[in-house]
Amino acid sequence: MIAFDAAPLGPAVATALVMLGVALVCGLIRVLRGPSLPDRVGALDFIGVLTAGTMILYGIATDEPLLLRPAIVLALIAFLGTVAFAHYLERTH
């Protein structure tokens, strides 16, 4: 259960979660309408990092530090996927 009012950071965490949600929608629009493949891959990396941030904020809101490790792993995998795609593009052009 999320207790935003109990913690001193409650309103800040709630505001940050809303902002991350808006940014996720913007990233999804970029994935769907991106003019090129590299734009879409960058947007997917953006979504991965925002998802990790959302997991971290949810962990703060629920006082559950167990969510930090999967968030770090998700961010790392998203970054490595983007680097691998950039390497692939460099080799093909």
Protein backbone atom coordinates (compact mmCIF):
# COMPACT_ATOMS: atom_id res chain seq x y z
CA MET A 1 0.00 0.00 0.00
CA ILE A 2 1.33 3.43 -0.91
CA ALA A 3 1.30 5.89 1.96
CA PHE A 4 2.19 9.22 0.37
CA ASP A 5 1.02 11.31 3.34
CA ALA A 6 3.00 9.40 5.96
CA ALA A 7 6.44 10.18 4.58
CA PRO A 8 7.89 13.68 4.41
CA LEU A 9 8.72 13.07 0.74
CA GLY A 10 5.19 11.88 -0.07
CA PRO A 11 4.03 14.79 -2.22
CA ALA A 12 7.36 14.94 -4.06
CA VAL A 13 7.25 11.22 -4.83
CA ALA A 14 3.64 11.44 -6.01
CA THR A 15 4.48 14.39 -8.27
CA ALA A 16 7.54 12.58 -9.65
CA LEU A 17 5.46 9.47 -10.40
CA VAL A 18 2.96 11.56 -12.36
CA MET A 19 5.77 13.24 -14.28
CA LEU A 20 7.36 9.88 -15.07
CA GLY A 21 4.00 8.63 -16.31
CA VAL A 22 3.69 11.58 -18.68
CA ALA A 23 7.25 11.02 -19.89
CA LEU A 24 6.48 7.32 -20.48
CA VAL A 25 3.52 8.27 -22.67
CA CYS A 26 5.74 10.67 -24.63
CA GLY A 27 8.32 7.92 -25.10
CA LEU A 28 5.65 5.51 -26.29
CA ILE A 29 4.49 8.05 -28.86
CA ARG A 30 8.08 8.40 -30.07
CA VAL A 31 8.40 4.63 -30.39
CA LEU A 32 5.21 4.41 -32.43
CA ARG A 33 5.75 7.48 -34.61
CA GLY A 34 9.54 7.78 -34.71
CA PRO A 35 10.80 8.82 -38.13
CA SER A 36 13.71 6.37 -38.11
CA LEU A 37 14.85 3.19 -36.43
CA PRO A 38 17.56 4.86 -34.29
CA ASP A 39 14.92 7.27 -32.93
CA ARG A 40 12.77 4.33 -31.92
CA VAL A 41 15.66 2.54 -30.24
CA GLY A 42 16.54 5.70 -28.33
CA ALA A 43 12.93 5.99 -27.22
CA LEU A 44 12.97 2.36 -26.05
CA ASP A 45 16.08 3.11 -23.99
CA PHE A 46 14.30 6.16 -22.61
CA ILE A 47 11.30 4.02 -21.63
CA GLY A 48 13.59 1.48 -19.94
CA VAL A 49 15.28 4.15 -17.85
CA LEU A 50 11.93 5.74 -16.95
CA THR A 51 10.59 2.35 -15.92
CA ALA A 52 13.60 1.84 -13.67
CA GLY A 53 13.02 5.28 -12.17
CA THR A 54 9.37 4.43 -11.60
CA MET A 55 10.38 1.23 -9.83
CA ILE A 56 12.76 3.18 -7.59
CA LEU A 57 10.14 5.78 -6.74
CA TYR A 58 7.59 3.07 -6.03
CA GLY A 59 10.13 1.45 -3.72
CA ILE A 60 10.57 4.76 -1.92
CA ALA A 61 6.80 5.29 -1.64
CA THR A 62 6.18 1.82 -0.24
CA ASP A 63 9.38 1.75 1.84
CA GLU A 64 10.45 -1.44 0.03
CA PRO A 65 14.19 -1.37 -0.77
CA LEU A 66 13.93 -4.74 -2.50
CA LEU A 67 12.89 -3.01 -5.75
CA LEU A 68 16.21 -1.21 -6.15
CA ARG A 69 18.19 -4.14 -7.52
CA PRO A 70 15.76 -5.05 -10.33
CA ALA A 71 15.57 -1.37 -11.28
CA ILE A 72 19.34 -1.19 -11.60
CA VAL A 73 19.42 -4.37 -13.66
CA LEU A 74 16.67 -3.04 -15.95
CA ALA A 75 18.53 0.23 -16.52
CA LEU A 76 21.74 -1.65 -17.26
CA ILE A 77 20.06 -3.99 -19.75
CA ALA A 78 18.37 -1.05 -21.49
CA PHE A 79 21.70 0.76 -21.77
CA LEU A 80 23.53 -2.31 -23.08
CA GLY A 81 20.80 -2.88 -25.66
CA THR A 82 21.22 0.65 -26.94
CA VAL A 83 24.99 0.29 -27.10
CA ALA A 84 24.64 -3.01 -28.98
CA PHE A 85 22.27 -1.41 -31.48
CA ALA A 86 24.64 1.53 -32.00
CA HIS A 87 27.49 -0.93 -32.62
CA TYR A 88 25.31 -2.79 -35.13
CA LEU A 89 24.46 0.44 -36.97
CA GLU A 90 28.11 1.44 -37.08
CA ARG A 91 29.10 -1.89 -38.64
CA THR A 92 26.35 -1.86 -41.27
CA HIS A 93 27.04 1.68 -42.50
